[in-house]
Amino acid sequence: MADVLGTSPDEVQFRFRDDEVVDHGTVTVDSFLDQSNATAVRIEPGDDARALLPHLERIALVEVNFPSFMDGRGYSVARILREAGYQGELRAVGDVLIDQLLPMRRCGFDAFAPDQKLDEADAQAAFDRFPHAYQSASDARQPIWNLRHD
């Protein structure tokens, strides 16, 4: 039997998607790879997100665990998945802090379930802090150099 884990929809504090929230538990990467019916997976630090690439079309939710705000491996996971064409929900879970929200969003995260609920006004300020981006990323924002007028 697969280890079912993950967050519930009630724990998602911020979500930037219009589709329905995935409401079933995630499984570990190893469990996901061992079965054919799982549609939600949780990536822990040290897991290789590239193992999921052949299965992206059936994954509705990928939770990326940040056990410590100092562990940045989840940013690479988001980039790898989004650059490979993953279109499902990419949820940052765990020790997610206010100052990480905008960089996480730029990497491709579109849902956040922090261990400690974040202040809504502070979070909105973090998302809005920099109106222009300086480089391309997984989000749809145009880099400022591409917005310049001659």
N, C-alpha and C. Protein backbone atom coordinates (compact mmCIF):
# COMPACT_ATOMS: atom_id res chain seq x y z
N MET A 1 0.84 -1.19 0.00
CA MET A 1 0.00 0.00 0.00
C MET A 1 0.88 1.24 0.00
N ALA A 2 0.54 2.21 -0.79
CA ALA A 2 1.31 3.45 -0.90
C ALA A 2 1.13 4.31 0.35
N ASP A 3 2.18 5.02 0.68
CA ASP A 3 2.09 5.97 1.79
C ASP A 3 1.36 7.22 1.29
N VAL A 4 0.19 7.49 1.85
CA VAL A 4 -0.57 8.67 1.47
C VAL A 4 -0.24 9.78 2.45
N LEU A 5 0.09 10.92 1.92
CA LEU A 5 0.46 12.06 2.75
C LEU A 5 0.00 13.32 2.06
N GLY A 6 0.52 14.44 2.47
CA GLY A 6 0.22 15.70 1.81
C GLY A 6 -0.74 16.57 2.59
N THR A 7 -1.07 17.69 1.98
CA THR A 7 -1.93 18.68 2.61
C THR A 7 -3.37 18.50 2.13
N SER A 8 -4.28 18.99 2.93
CA SER A 8 -5.68 18.98 2.52
C SER A 8 -5.97 20.31 1.82
N PRO A 9 -7.03 20.36 1.03
CA PRO A 9 -7.39 21.63 0.38
C PRO A 9 -7.60 22.77 1.38
N ASP A 10 -8.02 22.42 2.60
CA ASP A 10 -8.24 23.46 3.61
C ASP A 10 -6.94 24.12 4.06
N GLU A 11 -5.82 23.46 3.86
CA GLU A 11 -4.54 24.01 4.27
C GLU A 11 -3.91 24.93 3.22
N VAL A 12 -4.48 24.96 2.03
CA VAL A 12 -3.96 25.82 0.97
C VAL A 12 -4.39 27.24 1.26
N GLN A 13 -3.40 28.12 1.49
CA GLN A 13 -3.73 29.50 1.84
C GLN A 13 -3.83 30.40 0.61
N PHE A 14 -2.98 30.16 -0.37
CA PHE A 14 -2.99 30.97 -1.59
C PHE A 14 -2.99 30.03 -2.78
N ARG A 15 -3.86 30.34 -3.76
CA ARG A 15 -3.94 29.49 -4.95
C ARG A 15 -4.22 30.39 -6.15
N PHE A 16 -3.44 30.22 -7.19
CA PHE A 16 -3.54 31.05 -8.38
C PHE A 16 -3.92 30.19 -9.58
N ARG A 17 -5.01 29.47 -9.44
CA ARG A 17 -5.54 28.61 -10.49
C ARG A 17 -7.06 28.71 -10.49
N ASP A 18 -7.65 28.44 -11.64
CA ASP A 18 -9.11 28.48 -11.75
C ASP A 18 -9.76 27.10 -11.69
N ASP A 19 -8.95 26.05 -11.79
CA ASP A 19 -9.52 24.71 -11.77
C ASP A 19 -9.82 24.28 -10.33
N GLU A 20 -10.45 23.14 -10.21
CA GLU A 20 -10.84 22.64 -8.89
C GLU A 20 -9.62 22.14 -8.11
N VAL A 21 -9.64 22.37 -6.82
CA VAL A 21 -8.54 21.95 -5.96
C VAL A 21 -8.52 20.43 -5.87
N VAL A 22 -7.33 19.85 -6.01
CA VAL A 22 -7.17 18.40 -5.86
C VAL A 22 -7.41 18.07 -4.39
N ASP A 23 -8.32 17.14 -4.12
CA ASP A 23 -8.70 16.88 -2.73
C ASP A 23 -8.33 15.47 -2.26
N HIS A 24 -7.42 14.81 -2.95
CA HIS A 24 -6.98 13.50 -2.47
C HIS A 24 -5.50 13.55 -2.12
N GLY A 25 -5.09 12.64 -1.28
CA GLY A 25 -3.73 12.65 -0.77
C GLY A 25 -2.68 12.38 -1.82
N THR A 26 -1.52 12.91 -1.56
CA THR A 26 -0.38 12.67 -2.44
C THR A 26 0.36 11.43 -1.97
N VAL A 27 1.16 10.87 -2.86
CA VAL A 27 2.01 9.74 -2.52
C VAL A 27 3.46 10.14 -2.75
N THR A 28 4.36 9.38 -2.19
CA THR A 28 5.79 9.65 -2.40
C THR A 28 6.14 9.40 -3.86
N VAL A 29 7.28 9.92 -4.27
CA VAL A 29 7.73 9.71 -5.65
C VAL A 29 7.88 8.22 -5.94
N ASP A 30 8.50 7.48 -5.02
CA ASP A 30 8.67 6.04 -5.23
C ASP A 30 7.33 5.33 -5.36
N SER A 31 6.38 5.67 -4.51
CA SER A 31 5.05 5.05 -4.59
C SER A 31 4.35 5.42 -5.89
N PHE A 32 4.50 6.67 -6.30
CA PHE A 32 3.90 7.12 -7.55
C PHE A 32 4.42 6.30 -8.73
N LEU A 33 5.72 6.10 -8.76
CA LEU A 33 6.34 5.37 -9.87
C LEU A 33 5.95 3.89 -9.88
N ASP A 34 5.54 3.37 -8.72
CA ASP A 34 5.17 1.96 -8.61
C ASP A 34 3.71 1.68 -8.93
N GLN A 35 2.91 2.71 -9.20
CA GLN A 35 1.50 2.49 -9.48
C GLN A 35 1.07 3.25 -10.71
N SER A 36 -0.06 2.88 -11.25
CA SER A 36 -0.52 3.50 -12.49
C SER A 36 -1.74 4.40 -12.30
N ASN A 37 -2.26 4.48 -11.08
CA ASN A 37 -3.49 5.26 -10.89
C ASN A 37 -3.29 6.52 -10.05
N ALA A 38 -2.11 6.76 -9.53
CA ALA A 38 -1.88 7.96 -8.71
C ALA A 38 -1.86 9.19 -9.61
N THR A 39 -2.47 10.28 -9.10
CA THR A 39 -2.48 11.54 -9.86
C THR A 39 -1.94 12.70 -9.05
N ALA A 40 -1.47 12.43 -7.84
CA ALA A 40 -0.90 13.47 -6.99
C ALA A 40 0.34 12.90 -6.30
N VAL A 41 1.40 13.71 -6.29
CA VAL A 41 2.67 13.24 -5.76
C VAL A 41 3.30 14.34 -4.90
N ARG A 42 4.03 13.91 -3.89
CA ARG A 42 4.73 14.85 -3.02
C ARG A 42 6.23 14.62 -3.16
N ILE A 43 6.94 15.68 -3.46
CA ILE A 43 8.39 15.61 -3.64
C ILE A 43 9.06 16.14 -2.38
N GLU A 44 9.94 15.32 -1.84
CA GLU A 44 10.72 15.69 -0.67
C GLU A 44 12.12 16.10 -1.13
N PRO A 45 12.83 16.88 -0.30
CA PRO A 45 14.20 17.21 -0.67
C PRO A 45 15.00 15.93 -0.92
N GLY A 46 15.75 15.94 -1.98
CA GLY A 46 16.53 14.76 -2.34
C GLY A 46 15.86 13.89 -3.39
N ASP A 47 14.53 14.01 -3.57
CA ASP A 47 13.85 13.28 -4.63
C ASP A 47 14.22 13.90 -5.98
N ASP A 48 14.30 13.07 -6.99
CA ASP A 48 14.63 13.54 -8.33
C ASP A 48 13.35 13.78 -9.12
N ALA A 49 13.01 15.04 -9.33
CA ALA A 49 11.79 15.39 -10.06
C ALA A 49 11.81 14.88 -11.49
N ARG A 50 12.98 14.67 -12.04
CA ARG A 50 13.07 14.20 -13.43
C ARG A 50 12.46 12.81 -13.60
N ALA A 51 12.34 12.05 -12.52
CA ALA A 51 11.71 10.73 -12.60
C ALA A 51 10.23 10.84 -12.98
N LEU A 52 9.63 12.00 -12.73
CA LEU A 52 8.21 12.21 -13.02
C LEU A 52 7.95 12.65 -14.45
N LEU A 53 8.97 13.07 -15.16
CA LEU A 53 8.78 13.68 -16.48
C LEU A 53 8.00 12.81 -17.47
N PRO A 54 8.20 11.50 -17.51
CA PRO A 54 7.40 10.69 -18.44
C PRO A 54 5.91 10.59 -18.06
N HIS A 55 5.55 11.08 -16.89
CA HIS A 55 4.19 10.89 -16.37
C HIS A 55 3.43 12.20 -16.18
N LEU A 56 3.95 13.31 -16.66
CA LEU A 56 3.35 14.62 -16.37
C LEU A 56 1.89 14.74 -16.78
N GLU A 57 1.49 14.07 -17.85
CA GLU A 57 0.12 14.21 -18.34
C GLU A 57 -0.92 13.65 -17.37
N ARG A 58 -0.54 12.77 -16.47
CA ARG A 58 -1.52 12.20 -15.53
C ARG A 58 -1.43 12.79 -14.13
N ILE A 59 -0.53 13.72 -13.92
CA ILE A 59 -0.36 14.30 -12.58
C ILE A 59 -1.18 15.58 -12.47
N ALA A 60 -2.11 15.59 -11.53
CA ALA A 60 -2.95 16.78 -11.30
C ALA A 60 -2.33 17.71 -10.26
N LEU A 61 -1.53 17.14 -9.34
CA LEU A 61 -0.95 17.93 -8.25
C LEU A 61 0.44 17.42 -7.91
N VAL A 62 1.37 18.37 -7.81
CA VAL A 62 2.69 18.07 -7.27
C VAL A 62 2.88 18.99 -6.07
N GLU A 63 3.06 18.38 -4.90
CA GLU A 63 3.41 19.14 -3.71
C GLU A 63 4.92 19.06 -3.55
N VAL A 64 5.53 20.19 -3.30
CA VAL A 64 6.97 20.24 -3.07
C VAL A 64 7.18 20.67 -1.63
N ASN A 65 7.78 19.80 -0.84
CA ASN A 65 7.96 20.07 0.58
C ASN A 65 9.21 20.90 0.82
N PHE A 66 9.04 21.95 1.59
CA PHE A 66 10.13 22.79 2.07
C PHE A 66 10.20 22.60 3.59
N PRO A 67 10.97 21.60 4.07
CA PRO A 67 11.03 21.35 5.50
C PRO A 67 11.72 22.47 6.27
N SER A 68 12.51 23.26 5.56
CA SER A 68 13.21 24.40 6.16
C SER A 68 13.27 25.50 5.11
N PHE A 69 13.08 26.73 5.53
CA PHE A 69 13.12 27.84 4.59
C PHE A 69 14.50 27.95 3.93
N MET A 70 15.51 27.37 4.54
CA MET A 70 16.87 27.43 4.00
C MET A 70 17.12 26.40 2.91
N ASP A 71 16.21 25.47 2.69
CA ASP A 71 16.38 24.43 1.70
C ASP A 71 15.75 24.89 0.39
N GLY A 72 16.58 25.22 -0.58
CA GLY A 72 16.09 25.77 -1.84
C GLY A 72 15.94 24.78 -2.97
N ARG A 73 16.08 23.49 -2.69
CA ARG A 73 15.99 22.50 -3.76
C ARG A 73 14.62 22.50 -4.44
N GLY A 74 13.58 22.89 -3.73
CA GLY A 74 12.25 22.91 -4.30
C GLY A 74 12.10 23.90 -5.45
N TYR A 75 12.91 24.96 -5.44
CA TYR A 75 12.88 25.91 -6.56
C TYR A 75 13.32 25.21 -7.84
N SER A 76 14.34 24.38 -7.75
CA SER A 76 14.81 23.64 -8.93
C SER A 76 13.76 22.64 -9.39
N VAL A 77 13.08 22.01 -8.46
CA VAL A 77 12.01 21.07 -8.81
C VAL A 77 10.95 21.80 -9.63
N ALA A 78 10.54 22.97 -9.16
CA ALA A 78 9.51 23.73 -9.88
C ALA A 78 9.98 24.09 -11.29
N ARG A 79 11.20 24.54 -11.41
CA ARG A 79 11.73 24.91 -12.71
C ARG A 79 11.77 23.70 -13.65
N ILE A 80 12.28 22.58 -13.15
CA ILE A 80 12.36 21.37 -13.97
C ILE A 80 10.99 20.96 -14.48
N LEU A 81 10.00 20.94 -13.60
CA LEU A 81 8.66 20.50 -13.99
C LEU A 81 8.00 21.47 -14.97
N ARG A 82 8.07 22.75 -14.68
CA ARG A 82 7.43 23.73 -15.57
C ARG A 82 8.12 23.79 -16.93
N GLU A 83 9.43 23.73 -16.96
CA GLU A 83 10.14 23.76 -18.24
C GLU A 83 9.85 22.50 -19.06
N ALA A 84 9.51 21.41 -18.40
CA ALA A 84 9.16 20.17 -19.10
C ALA A 84 7.71 20.18 -19.58
N GLY A 85 6.96 21.22 -19.22
CA GLY A 85 5.59 21.35 -19.70
C GLY A 85 4.51 20.98 -18.70
N TYR A 86 4.85 20.77 -17.45
CA TYR A 86 3.84 20.42 -16.45
C TYR A 86 2.85 21.57 -16.29
N GLN A 87 1.56 21.26 -16.43
CA GLN A 87 0.50 22.27 -16.36
C GLN A 87 -0.37 22.15 -15.11
N GLY A 88 -0.20 21.10 -14.32
CA GLY A 88 -1.03 20.90 -13.14
C GLY A 88 -0.63 21.83 -12.01
N GLU A 89 -1.31 21.64 -10.89
CA GLU A 89 -1.04 22.47 -9.71
C GLU A 89 0.32 22.11 -9.12
N LEU A 90 1.09 23.15 -8.83
CA LEU A 90 2.40 22.99 -8.21
C LEU A 90 2.33 23.74 -6.88
N ARG A 91 2.27 22.97 -5.80
CA ARG A 91 1.99 23.52 -4.47
C ARG A 91 3.23 23.48 -3.58
N ALA A 92 3.63 24.63 -3.06
CA ALA A 92 4.72 24.72 -2.09
C ALA A 92 4.12 24.48 -0.71
N VAL A 93 4.68 23.52 0.03
CA VAL A 93 4.19 23.19 1.36
C VAL A 93 5.34 23.20 2.35
N GLY A 94 5.02 23.46 3.60
CA GLY A 94 6.04 23.39 4.64
C GLY A 94 6.43 24.76 5.15
N ASP A 95 7.72 24.94 5.34
CA ASP A 95 8.27 26.17 5.93
C ASP A 95 8.40 27.25 4.87
N VAL A 96 7.25 27.74 4.42
CA VAL A 96 7.16 28.77 3.38
C VAL A 96 6.98 30.11 4.08
N LEU A 97 7.88 31.05 3.78
CA LEU A 97 7.86 32.36 4.43
C LEU A 97 7.45 33.45 3.44
N ILE A 98 7.06 34.58 3.99
CA ILE A 98 6.60 35.72 3.18
C ILE A 98 7.60 36.08 2.09
N ASP A 99 8.88 36.20 2.45
CA ASP A 99 9.86 36.66 1.46
C ASP A 99 10.17 35.64 0.37
N GLN A 100 9.63 34.43 0.48
CA GLN A 100 9.81 33.41 -0.54
C GLN A 100 8.67 33.38 -1.55
N LEU A 101 7.56 34.01 -1.25
CA LEU A 101 6.37 33.87 -2.09
C LEU A 101 6.60 34.31 -3.53
N LEU A 102 7.14 35.50 -3.73
CA LEU A 102 7.33 35.98 -5.10
C LEU A 102 8.34 35.13 -5.86
N PRO A 103 9.51 34.80 -5.30
CA PRO A 103 10.42 33.93 -6.06
C PRO A 103 9.82 32.56 -6.34
N MET A 104 9.06 32.01 -5.41
CA MET A 104 8.41 30.73 -5.65
C MET A 104 7.40 30.84 -6.79
N ARG A 105 6.64 31.91 -6.77
CA ARG A 105 5.65 32.14 -7.82
C ARG A 105 6.33 32.25 -9.17
N ARG A 106 7.46 32.94 -9.24
CA ARG A 106 8.19 33.11 -10.49
C ARG A 106 8.75 31.78 -10.99
N CYS A 107 9.07 30.87 -10.08
CA CYS A 107 9.58 29.55 -10.46
C CYS A 107 8.49 28.63 -10.98
N GLY A 108 7.25 28.97 -10.72
CA GLY A 108 6.15 28.16 -11.23
C GLY A 108 5.16 27.66 -10.21
N PHE A 109 5.40 27.93 -8.94
CA PHE A 109 4.42 27.52 -7.93
C PHE A 109 3.15 28.34 -8.10
N ASP A 110 2.00 27.67 -8.05
CA ASP A 110 0.73 28.39 -8.17
C ASP A 110 -0.20 28.12 -7.00
N ALA A 111 0.32 27.46 -5.96
CA ALA A 111 -0.45 27.24 -4.73
C ALA A 111 0.53 27.14 -3.57
N PHE A 112 0.07 27.58 -2.40
CA PHE A 112 0.94 27.63 -1.23
C PHE A 112 0.18 27.15 0.00
N ALA A 113 0.79 26.23 0.72
CA ALA A 113 0.22 25.71 1.96
C ALA A 113 1.31 25.78 3.03
N PRO A 114 1.54 26.97 3.58
CA PRO A 114 2.59 27.11 4.59
C PRO A 114 2.21 26.44 5.91
N ASP A 115 3.24 25.96 6.62
CA ASP A 115 3.00 25.36 7.94
C ASP A 115 2.31 26.35 8.88
N GLN A 116 2.78 27.57 8.87
CA GLN A 116 2.21 28.64 9.70
C GLN A 116 1.47 29.61 8.78
N LYS A 117 0.21 29.84 9.07
CA LYS A 117 -0.58 30.76 8.25
C LYS A 117 0.12 32.11 8.16
N LEU A 118 0.15 32.66 6.95
CA LEU A 118 0.81 33.95 6.71
C LEU A 118 -0.22 35.07 6.76
N ASP A 119 0.23 36.25 7.17
CA ASP A 119 -0.63 37.42 7.18
C ASP A 119 -1.02 37.76 5.73
N GLU A 120 -2.32 37.87 5.49
CA GLU A 120 -2.82 38.09 4.12
C GLU A 120 -2.30 39.39 3.51
N ALA A 121 -2.28 40.47 4.26
CA ALA A 121 -1.81 41.75 3.72
C ALA A 121 -0.31 41.70 3.42
N ASP A 122 0.45 41.07 4.30
CA ASP A 122 1.89 40.94 4.05
C ASP A 122 2.15 40.07 2.83
N ALA A 123 1.37 39.03 2.68
CA ALA A 123 1.54 38.15 1.53
C ALA A 123 1.20 38.89 0.24
N GLN A 124 0.12 39.66 0.24
CA GLN A 124 -0.24 40.42 -0.96
C GLN A 124 0.85 41.43 -1.29
N ALA A 125 1.40 42.06 -0.28
CA ALA A 125 2.51 43.01 -0.51
C ALA A 125 3.72 42.28 -1.11
N ALA A 126 3.99 41.08 -0.65
CA ALA A 126 5.12 40.30 -1.18
C ALA A 126 4.88 39.96 -2.65
N PHE A 127 3.66 39.53 -2.99
CA PHE A 127 3.36 39.20 -4.38
C PHE A 127 3.45 40.43 -5.29
N ASP A 128 3.12 41.60 -4.74
CA ASP A 128 3.08 42.83 -5.53
C ASP A 128 4.35 43.67 -5.45
N ARG A 129 5.32 43.25 -4.65
CA ARG A 129 6.48 44.08 -4.34
C ARG A 129 7.24 44.57 -5.56
N PHE A 130 7.51 43.72 -6.49
CA PHE A 130 8.28 44.10 -7.67
C PHE A 130 7.40 43.98 -8.90
N PRO A 131 6.96 45.11 -9.44
CA PRO A 131 6.04 45.05 -10.57
C PRO A 131 6.71 44.57 -11.86
N HIS A 132 8.03 44.64 -11.93
CA HIS A 132 8.75 44.23 -13.13
C HIS A 132 9.75 43.13 -12.81
N ALA A 133 9.93 42.26 -13.76
CA ALA A 133 10.92 41.19 -13.62
C ALA A 133 12.14 41.55 -14.46
N TYR A 134 13.28 41.08 -14.02
CA TYR A 134 14.51 41.39 -14.73
C TYR A 134 14.99 40.25 -15.61
N GLN A 135 14.40 39.08 -15.46
CA GLN A 135 14.77 37.94 -16.30
C GLN A 135 13.53 37.08 -16.54
N SER A 136 13.61 36.25 -17.56
CA SER A 136 12.52 35.33 -17.85
C SER A 136 12.48 34.25 -16.78
N ALA A 137 11.29 33.73 -16.54
CA ALA A 137 11.11 32.66 -15.56
C ALA A 137 9.91 31.83 -16.01
N SER A 138 9.44 30.97 -15.12
CA SER A 138 8.31 30.10 -15.46
C SER A 138 6.98 30.82 -15.53
N ASP A 139 6.90 31.97 -14.90
CA ASP A 139 5.64 32.72 -14.95
C ASP A 139 5.54 33.48 -16.28
N ALA A 140 4.43 34.12 -16.49
CA ALA A 140 4.17 34.78 -17.77
C ALA A 140 4.66 36.22 -17.83
N ARG A 141 5.30 36.69 -16.78
CA ARG A 141 5.74 38.09 -16.76
C ARG A 141 6.83 38.35 -17.80
N GLN A 142 6.70 39.46 -18.49
CA GLN A 142 7.69 39.89 -19.46
C GLN A 142 8.85 40.57 -18.73
N PRO A 143 10.09 40.22 -19.07
CA PRO A 143 11.22 40.93 -18.45
C PRO A 143 11.18 42.41 -18.83
N ILE A 144 11.65 43.25 -17.94
CA ILE A 144 11.57 44.69 -18.15
C ILE A 144 12.29 45.11 -19.41
N TRP A 145 13.39 44.44 -19.76
CA TRP A 145 14.12 44.81 -20.97
C TRP A 145 13.28 44.57 -22.21
N ASN A 146 12.31 43.68 -22.13
CA ASN A 146 11.41 43.40 -23.25
C ASN A 146 10.26 44.40 -23.32
N LEU A 147 10.11 45.19 -22.28
CA LEU A 147 9.04 46.18 -22.23
C LEU A 147 9.50 47.59 -22.62
N ARG A 148 10.80 47.74 -22.76
CA ARG A 148 11.36 49.07 -23.09
C ARG A 148 10.88 49.54 -24.44
N HIS A 149 10.68 50.84 -24.51
CA HIS A 149 10.27 51.46 -25.78
C HIS A 149 11.49 52.12 -26.40
N ASP A 150 11.61 52.00 -27.70
CA ASP A 150 12.73 52.67 -28.40
C ASP A 150 12.46 54.13 -28.58
